[in-house]
Amino acid sequence: MIKFFKIQLFILLALGAGVLAFAGHLHSEKWYQERWCSEAGGQVEVVLQDQTRCDCLTRTHAVEFDFAAKWAEAIGQSLYYSLMTGKRAGIVLILESEPDEKYLTRLDRAINAYHLPIDVWVLRSF
């Protein structure tokens, strides 16, 4: 009986961890990634030569997906994936509420101020 209880507890904890993986978000990053990338005719989670993973590789772009608050990280990752693939850098910024708009403004300001070769798409779910 104790062994059965331990197994049940493990299952509950594992399921809880899965829910917490994107707690606070409407969907997981992967959920957004799969839908957008499919519509763009790209490949999801492409493993690059150095074993890093590009979120979406299209005919023209190496695209990084991130939730709005991670806008700064998205810049570096998209530029690196561009370097590794020879494709143009792209970012899909996921906005799930109106307050997230401030992160899009920050991203746009940084790209424009430094003339970064990055294209941006926005997914709004509000």
N, C-alpha and C. Protein backbone atom coordinates (compact mmCIF):
# COMPACT_ATOMS: atom_id res chain seq x y z
N MET A 1 0.82 -1.21 0.00
CA MET A 1 0.00 0.00 0.00
C MET A 1 0.86 1.26 0.00
N ILE A 2 1.96 1.27 0.74
CA ILE A 2 2.83 2.44 0.79
C ILE A 2 3.46 2.68 -0.57
N LYS A 3 3.89 1.59 -1.25
CA LYS A 3 4.50 1.73 -2.57
C LYS A 3 3.50 2.35 -3.55
N PHE A 4 2.24 1.91 -3.50
CA PHE A 4 1.19 2.45 -4.36
C PHE A 4 1.00 3.94 -4.09
N PHE A 5 1.01 4.33 -2.82
CA PHE A 5 0.87 5.74 -2.45
C PHE A 5 2.03 6.56 -3.00
N LYS A 6 3.26 6.04 -2.91
CA LYS A 6 4.43 6.75 -3.43
C LYS A 6 4.31 6.97 -4.94
N ILE A 7 3.83 5.97 -5.64
CA ILE A 7 3.66 6.08 -7.09
C ILE A 7 2.62 7.15 -7.41
N GLN A 8 1.49 7.14 -6.70
CA GLN A 8 0.46 8.15 -6.90
C GLN A 8 1.01 9.55 -6.62
N LEU A 9 1.76 9.70 -5.54
CA LEU A 9 2.33 10.98 -5.18
C LEU A 9 3.30 11.46 -6.26
N PHE A 10 4.13 10.54 -6.77
CA PHE A 10 5.06 10.89 -7.83
C PHE A 10 4.31 11.38 -9.07
N ILE A 11 3.24 10.69 -9.44
CA ILE A 11 2.45 11.08 -10.61
C ILE A 11 1.84 12.46 -10.41
N LEU A 12 1.30 12.71 -9.24
CA LEU A 12 0.71 14.02 -8.95
C LEU A 12 1.75 15.12 -9.00
N LEU A 13 2.93 14.87 -8.45
CA LEU A 13 3.99 15.87 -8.49
C LEU A 13 4.47 16.12 -9.91
N ALA A 14 4.59 15.06 -10.69
CA ALA A 14 5.03 15.21 -12.08
C ALA A 14 4.01 16.00 -12.88
N LEU A 15 2.74 15.71 -12.69
CA LEU A 15 1.70 16.46 -13.39
C LEU A 15 1.69 17.91 -12.95
N GLY A 16 1.88 18.14 -11.67
CA GLY A 16 1.92 19.51 -11.16
C GLY A 16 3.09 20.28 -11.74
N ALA A 17 4.23 19.63 -11.89
CA ALA A 17 5.39 20.29 -12.48
C ALA A 17 5.12 20.66 -13.92
N GLY A 18 4.41 19.81 -14.64
CA GLY A 18 4.06 20.11 -16.03
C GLY A 18 3.17 21.32 -16.13
N VAL A 19 2.25 21.45 -15.22
CA VAL A 19 1.36 22.61 -15.20
C VAL A 19 2.14 23.87 -14.85
N LEU A 20 3.08 23.74 -13.92
CA LEU A 20 3.87 24.90 -13.51
C LEU A 20 4.85 25.35 -14.59
N ALA A 21 5.15 24.47 -15.53
CA ALA A 21 6.11 24.81 -16.57
C ALA A 21 5.69 26.05 -17.34
N PHE A 22 4.39 26.26 -17.51
CA PHE A 22 3.96 27.49 -18.15
C PHE A 22 2.88 28.18 -17.34
N ALA A 23 3.05 28.07 -16.00
CA ALA A 23 2.13 28.75 -15.10
C ALA A 23 2.18 30.24 -15.37
N GLY A 24 1.02 30.85 -15.35
CA GLY A 24 0.96 32.28 -15.61
C GLY A 24 0.81 32.61 -17.08
N HIS A 25 0.96 31.63 -17.94
CA HIS A 25 0.80 31.85 -19.37
C HIS A 25 -0.45 31.11 -19.85
N LEU A 26 -1.06 31.64 -20.89
CA LEU A 26 -2.25 31.00 -21.45
C LEU A 26 -1.91 29.67 -22.10
N HIS A 27 -0.75 29.63 -22.76
CA HIS A 27 -0.27 28.42 -23.43
C HIS A 27 1.24 28.35 -23.26
N SER A 28 1.80 27.20 -23.54
CA SER A 28 3.26 27.07 -23.49
C SER A 28 3.87 27.76 -24.72
N GLU A 29 5.15 28.07 -24.61
CA GLU A 29 5.86 28.66 -25.75
C GLU A 29 5.79 27.72 -26.95
N LYS A 30 5.95 26.44 -26.68
CA LYS A 30 5.91 25.42 -27.75
C LYS A 30 4.57 25.44 -28.49
N TRP A 31 3.48 25.68 -27.76
CA TRP A 31 2.15 25.73 -28.38
C TRP A 31 2.10 26.83 -29.43
N TYR A 32 2.59 28.01 -29.05
CA TYR A 32 2.62 29.14 -29.99
C TYR A 32 3.57 28.82 -31.15
N GLN A 33 4.72 28.28 -30.81
CA GLN A 33 5.76 27.96 -31.78
C GLN A 33 5.25 27.01 -32.87
N GLU A 34 4.61 25.95 -32.47
CA GLU A 34 4.15 24.95 -33.43
C GLU A 34 3.11 25.52 -34.39
N ARG A 35 2.21 26.33 -33.90
CA ARG A 35 1.17 26.90 -34.75
C ARG A 35 1.74 27.93 -35.73
N TRP A 36 2.54 28.86 -35.22
CA TRP A 36 3.08 29.91 -36.08
C TRP A 36 4.02 29.31 -37.12
N CYS A 37 4.91 28.45 -36.68
CA CYS A 37 5.92 27.89 -37.57
C CYS A 37 5.26 27.04 -38.67
N SER A 38 4.24 26.32 -38.32
CA SER A 38 3.53 25.52 -39.32
C SER A 38 2.91 26.41 -40.39
N GLU A 39 2.27 27.49 -39.95
CA GLU A 39 1.66 28.43 -40.90
C GLU A 39 2.71 29.12 -41.77
N ALA A 40 3.91 29.31 -41.23
CA ALA A 40 4.99 29.96 -41.98
C ALA A 40 5.75 28.97 -42.88
N GLY A 41 5.35 27.70 -42.82
CA GLY A 41 6.01 26.68 -43.64
C GLY A 41 7.39 26.32 -43.14
N GLY A 42 7.62 26.51 -41.83
CA GLY A 42 8.94 26.25 -41.26
C GLY A 42 9.03 24.92 -40.54
N GLN A 43 10.23 24.67 -40.01
CA GLN A 43 10.50 23.49 -39.21
C GLN A 43 10.71 23.92 -37.76
N VAL A 44 10.10 23.20 -36.84
CA VAL A 44 10.19 23.52 -35.41
C VAL A 44 11.40 22.83 -34.79
N GLU A 45 12.06 23.54 -33.87
CA GLU A 45 13.15 22.98 -33.06
C GLU A 45 14.24 22.32 -33.91
N VAL A 46 14.80 23.07 -34.81
CA VAL A 46 15.85 22.56 -35.68
C VAL A 46 17.17 22.56 -34.91
N VAL A 47 17.81 21.40 -34.86
CA VAL A 47 19.10 21.28 -34.18
C VAL A 47 20.18 21.77 -35.12
N LEU A 48 20.95 22.75 -34.65
CA LEU A 48 22.00 23.34 -35.46
C LEU A 48 23.32 22.59 -35.26
N GLN A 49 24.31 22.95 -36.04
CA GLN A 49 25.60 22.27 -36.05
C GLN A 49 26.23 22.17 -34.66
N ASP A 50 26.04 23.18 -33.82
CA ASP A 50 26.64 23.19 -32.48
C ASP A 50 25.69 22.65 -31.41
N GLN A 51 24.63 21.98 -31.85
CA GLN A 51 23.64 21.34 -30.97
C GLN A 51 22.69 22.32 -30.29
N THR A 52 22.72 23.62 -30.66
CA THR A 52 21.69 24.54 -30.18
C THR A 52 20.44 24.28 -31.01
N ARG A 53 19.32 24.78 -30.54
CA ARG A 53 18.05 24.53 -31.23
C ARG A 53 17.39 25.85 -31.61
N CYS A 54 17.18 26.01 -32.89
CA CYS A 54 16.45 27.17 -33.40
C CYS A 54 14.97 26.86 -33.29
N ASP A 55 14.20 27.77 -32.69
CA ASP A 55 12.77 27.51 -32.46
C ASP A 55 12.02 27.22 -33.75
N CYS A 56 12.30 27.99 -34.80
CA CYS A 56 11.63 27.79 -36.08
C CYS A 56 12.56 28.24 -37.20
N LEU A 57 12.76 27.37 -38.16
CA LEU A 57 13.59 27.69 -39.31
C LEU A 57 12.70 27.69 -40.55
N THR A 58 12.58 28.86 -41.17
CA THR A 58 11.79 28.97 -42.39
C THR A 58 12.75 29.07 -43.58
N ARG A 59 12.21 29.22 -44.75
CA ARG A 59 13.04 29.35 -45.95
C ARG A 59 13.96 30.56 -45.85
N THR A 60 13.49 31.61 -45.17
CA THR A 60 14.24 32.87 -45.13
C THR A 60 14.74 33.29 -43.75
N HIS A 61 14.18 32.73 -42.68
CA HIS A 61 14.45 33.24 -41.33
C HIS A 61 14.80 32.14 -40.32
N ALA A 62 15.65 32.52 -39.37
CA ALA A 62 15.90 31.74 -38.17
C ALA A 62 15.17 32.48 -37.05
N VAL A 63 14.12 31.87 -36.51
CA VAL A 63 13.19 32.59 -35.64
C VAL A 63 13.25 32.09 -34.20
N GLU A 64 13.34 33.04 -33.29
CA GLU A 64 13.30 32.78 -31.85
C GLU A 64 11.93 33.19 -31.32
N PHE A 65 11.33 32.36 -30.50
CA PHE A 65 10.06 32.64 -29.84
C PHE A 65 10.31 32.94 -28.38
N ASP A 66 9.68 33.99 -27.87
CA ASP A 66 9.77 34.27 -26.45
C ASP A 66 8.54 35.02 -25.97
N PHE A 67 8.23 34.81 -24.69
CA PHE A 67 7.19 35.61 -24.07
C PHE A 67 7.73 37.03 -23.91
N ALA A 68 6.84 37.98 -23.85
CA ALA A 68 7.18 39.40 -23.90
C ALA A 68 8.30 39.81 -22.96
N ALA A 69 8.27 39.37 -21.71
CA ALA A 69 9.25 39.80 -20.73
C ALA A 69 10.68 39.33 -21.07
N LYS A 70 10.80 38.37 -21.98
CA LYS A 70 12.12 37.87 -22.36
C LYS A 70 12.60 38.48 -23.67
N TRP A 71 12.13 39.68 -23.99
CA TRP A 71 12.44 40.34 -25.25
C TRP A 71 13.95 40.51 -25.46
N ALA A 72 14.69 40.83 -24.41
CA ALA A 72 16.12 41.08 -24.56
C ALA A 72 16.87 39.79 -24.89
N GLU A 73 16.48 38.69 -24.26
CA GLU A 73 17.10 37.40 -24.56
C GLU A 73 16.84 37.01 -26.02
N ALA A 74 15.67 37.33 -26.50
CA ALA A 74 15.29 36.97 -27.87
C ALA A 74 16.21 37.63 -28.89
N ILE A 75 16.69 38.83 -28.59
CA ILE A 75 17.58 39.52 -29.52
C ILE A 75 18.85 38.69 -29.73
N GLY A 76 19.49 38.33 -28.65
CA GLY A 76 20.74 37.57 -28.75
C GLY A 76 20.55 36.22 -29.40
N GLN A 77 19.52 35.52 -29.01
CA GLN A 77 19.29 34.19 -29.58
C GLN A 77 18.99 34.27 -31.07
N SER A 78 18.16 35.21 -31.47
CA SER A 78 17.81 35.29 -32.89
C SER A 78 19.04 35.64 -33.74
N LEU A 79 19.87 36.55 -33.23
CA LEU A 79 21.09 36.90 -33.96
C LEU A 79 22.05 35.71 -34.06
N TYR A 80 22.15 34.94 -32.99
CA TYR A 80 23.03 33.78 -33.01
C TYR A 80 22.52 32.73 -34.00
N TYR A 81 21.21 32.46 -33.99
CA TYR A 81 20.66 31.48 -34.92
C TYR A 81 20.83 31.95 -36.36
N SER A 82 20.74 33.23 -36.58
CA SER A 82 20.98 33.80 -37.90
C SER A 82 22.42 33.54 -38.33
N LEU A 83 23.35 33.78 -37.43
CA LEU A 83 24.76 33.54 -37.69
C LEU A 83 25.01 32.07 -38.06
N MET A 84 24.39 31.18 -37.33
CA MET A 84 24.61 29.75 -37.52
C MET A 84 23.95 29.20 -38.79
N THR A 85 22.90 29.86 -39.27
CA THR A 85 22.15 29.33 -40.41
C THR A 85 22.34 30.12 -41.70
N GLY A 86 22.81 31.36 -41.58
CA GLY A 86 22.92 32.22 -42.75
C GLY A 86 21.58 32.80 -43.17
N LYS A 87 20.57 32.62 -42.34
CA LYS A 87 19.24 33.17 -42.62
C LYS A 87 19.04 34.45 -41.81
N ARG A 88 18.05 35.22 -42.19
CA ARG A 88 17.76 36.47 -41.48
C ARG A 88 17.20 36.15 -40.09
N ALA A 89 17.58 36.96 -39.11
CA ALA A 89 17.09 36.78 -37.74
C ALA A 89 15.63 37.21 -37.64
N GLY A 90 14.88 36.48 -36.83
CA GLY A 90 13.49 36.82 -36.58
C GLY A 90 13.11 36.52 -35.15
N ILE A 91 12.18 37.30 -34.65
CA ILE A 91 11.64 37.09 -33.30
C ILE A 91 10.13 37.09 -33.39
N VAL A 92 9.52 36.08 -32.77
CA VAL A 92 8.08 36.10 -32.55
C VAL A 92 7.92 36.40 -31.07
N LEU A 93 7.38 37.58 -30.77
CA LEU A 93 7.17 37.99 -29.38
C LEU A 93 5.73 37.69 -29.00
N ILE A 94 5.57 36.96 -27.91
CA ILE A 94 4.25 36.52 -27.46
C ILE A 94 3.73 37.48 -26.40
N LEU A 95 2.65 38.16 -26.71
CA LEU A 95 2.01 39.10 -25.77
C LEU A 95 0.69 38.49 -25.32
N GLU A 96 0.54 38.32 -24.03
CA GLU A 96 -0.69 37.70 -23.51
C GLU A 96 -1.58 38.67 -22.75
N SER A 97 -1.14 39.92 -22.62
CA SER A 97 -1.97 40.92 -21.94
C SER A 97 -1.53 42.30 -22.40
N GLU A 98 -2.37 43.28 -22.19
CA GLU A 98 -2.03 44.65 -22.59
C GLU A 98 -0.74 45.17 -21.95
N PRO A 99 -0.50 44.90 -20.67
CA PRO A 99 0.76 45.38 -20.08
C PRO A 99 2.02 44.84 -20.79
N ASP A 100 1.89 43.73 -21.53
CA ASP A 100 3.03 43.19 -22.27
C ASP A 100 3.47 44.10 -23.41
N GLU A 101 2.64 45.03 -23.82
CA GLU A 101 2.97 45.93 -24.93
C GLU A 101 4.26 46.71 -24.67
N LYS A 102 4.55 47.00 -23.39
CA LYS A 102 5.77 47.76 -23.07
C LYS A 102 7.02 47.01 -23.51
N TYR A 103 6.97 45.68 -23.49
CA TYR A 103 8.13 44.89 -23.90
C TYR A 103 8.33 44.96 -25.42
N LEU A 104 7.25 45.01 -26.14
CA LEU A 104 7.34 45.18 -27.60
C LEU A 104 7.98 46.53 -27.92
N THR A 105 7.60 47.56 -27.18
CA THR A 105 8.18 48.88 -27.37
C THR A 105 9.68 48.84 -27.11
N ARG A 106 10.09 48.16 -26.06
CA ARG A 106 11.52 48.05 -25.74
C ARG A 106 12.27 47.31 -26.85
N LEU A 107 11.69 46.23 -27.32
CA LEU A 107 12.30 45.46 -28.40
C LEU A 107 12.47 46.31 -29.64
N ASP A 108 11.41 46.98 -30.04
CA ASP A 108 11.46 47.84 -31.22
C ASP A 108 12.51 48.95 -31.08
N ARG A 109 12.57 49.55 -29.90
CA ARG A 109 13.55 50.63 -29.67
C ARG A 109 14.98 50.13 -29.81
N ALA A 110 15.26 48.97 -29.24
CA ALA A 110 16.62 48.42 -29.31
C ALA A 110 16.99 48.06 -30.75
N ILE A 111 16.08 47.42 -31.46
CA ILE A 111 16.33 47.04 -32.86
C ILE A 111 16.57 48.28 -33.72
N ASN A 112 15.73 49.29 -33.55
CA ASN A 112 15.86 50.51 -34.35
C ASN A 112 17.10 51.33 -33.98
N ALA A 113 17.40 51.44 -32.70
CA ALA A 113 18.54 52.25 -32.25
C ALA A 113 19.86 51.71 -32.77
N TYR A 114 19.97 50.39 -32.86
CA TYR A 114 21.22 49.78 -33.29
C TYR A 114 21.15 49.19 -34.70
N HIS A 115 20.05 49.47 -35.39
CA HIS A 115 19.87 49.00 -36.77
C HIS A 115 20.12 47.49 -36.88
N LEU A 116 19.53 46.75 -35.95
CA LEU A 116 19.73 45.29 -35.93
C LEU A 116 18.95 44.63 -37.06
N PRO A 117 19.55 43.66 -37.72
CA PRO A 117 18.89 42.96 -38.83
C PRO A 117 17.95 41.87 -38.32
N ILE A 118 16.89 42.31 -37.64
CA ILE A 118 15.93 41.37 -37.04
C ILE A 118 14.52 41.77 -37.46
N ASP A 119 13.77 40.80 -37.96
CA ASP A 119 12.35 41.01 -38.23
C ASP A 119 11.55 40.52 -37.03
N VAL A 120 10.46 41.22 -36.73
CA VAL A 120 9.65 40.89 -35.56
C VAL A 120 8.20 40.63 -35.97
N TRP A 121 7.65 39.56 -35.42
CA TRP A 121 6.23 39.26 -35.53
C TRP A 121 5.67 39.22 -34.12
N VAL A 122 4.44 39.61 -33.99
CA VAL A 122 3.81 39.67 -32.66
C VAL A 122 2.61 38.74 -32.63
N LEU A 123 2.56 37.91 -31.59
CA LEU A 123 1.38 37.08 -31.34
C LEU A 123 0.67 37.64 -30.12
N ARG A 124 -0.51 38.20 -30.32
CA ARG A 124 -1.30 38.74 -29.21
C ARG A 124 -2.43 37.77 -28.93
N SER A 125 -2.57 37.41 -27.66
CA SER A 125 -3.66 36.51 -27.30
C SER A 125 -4.62 37.20 -26.33
N PHE A 126 -4.78 38.50 -26.53
CA PHE A 126 -5.74 39.25 -25.70
C PHE A 126 -6.61 40.08 -26.60
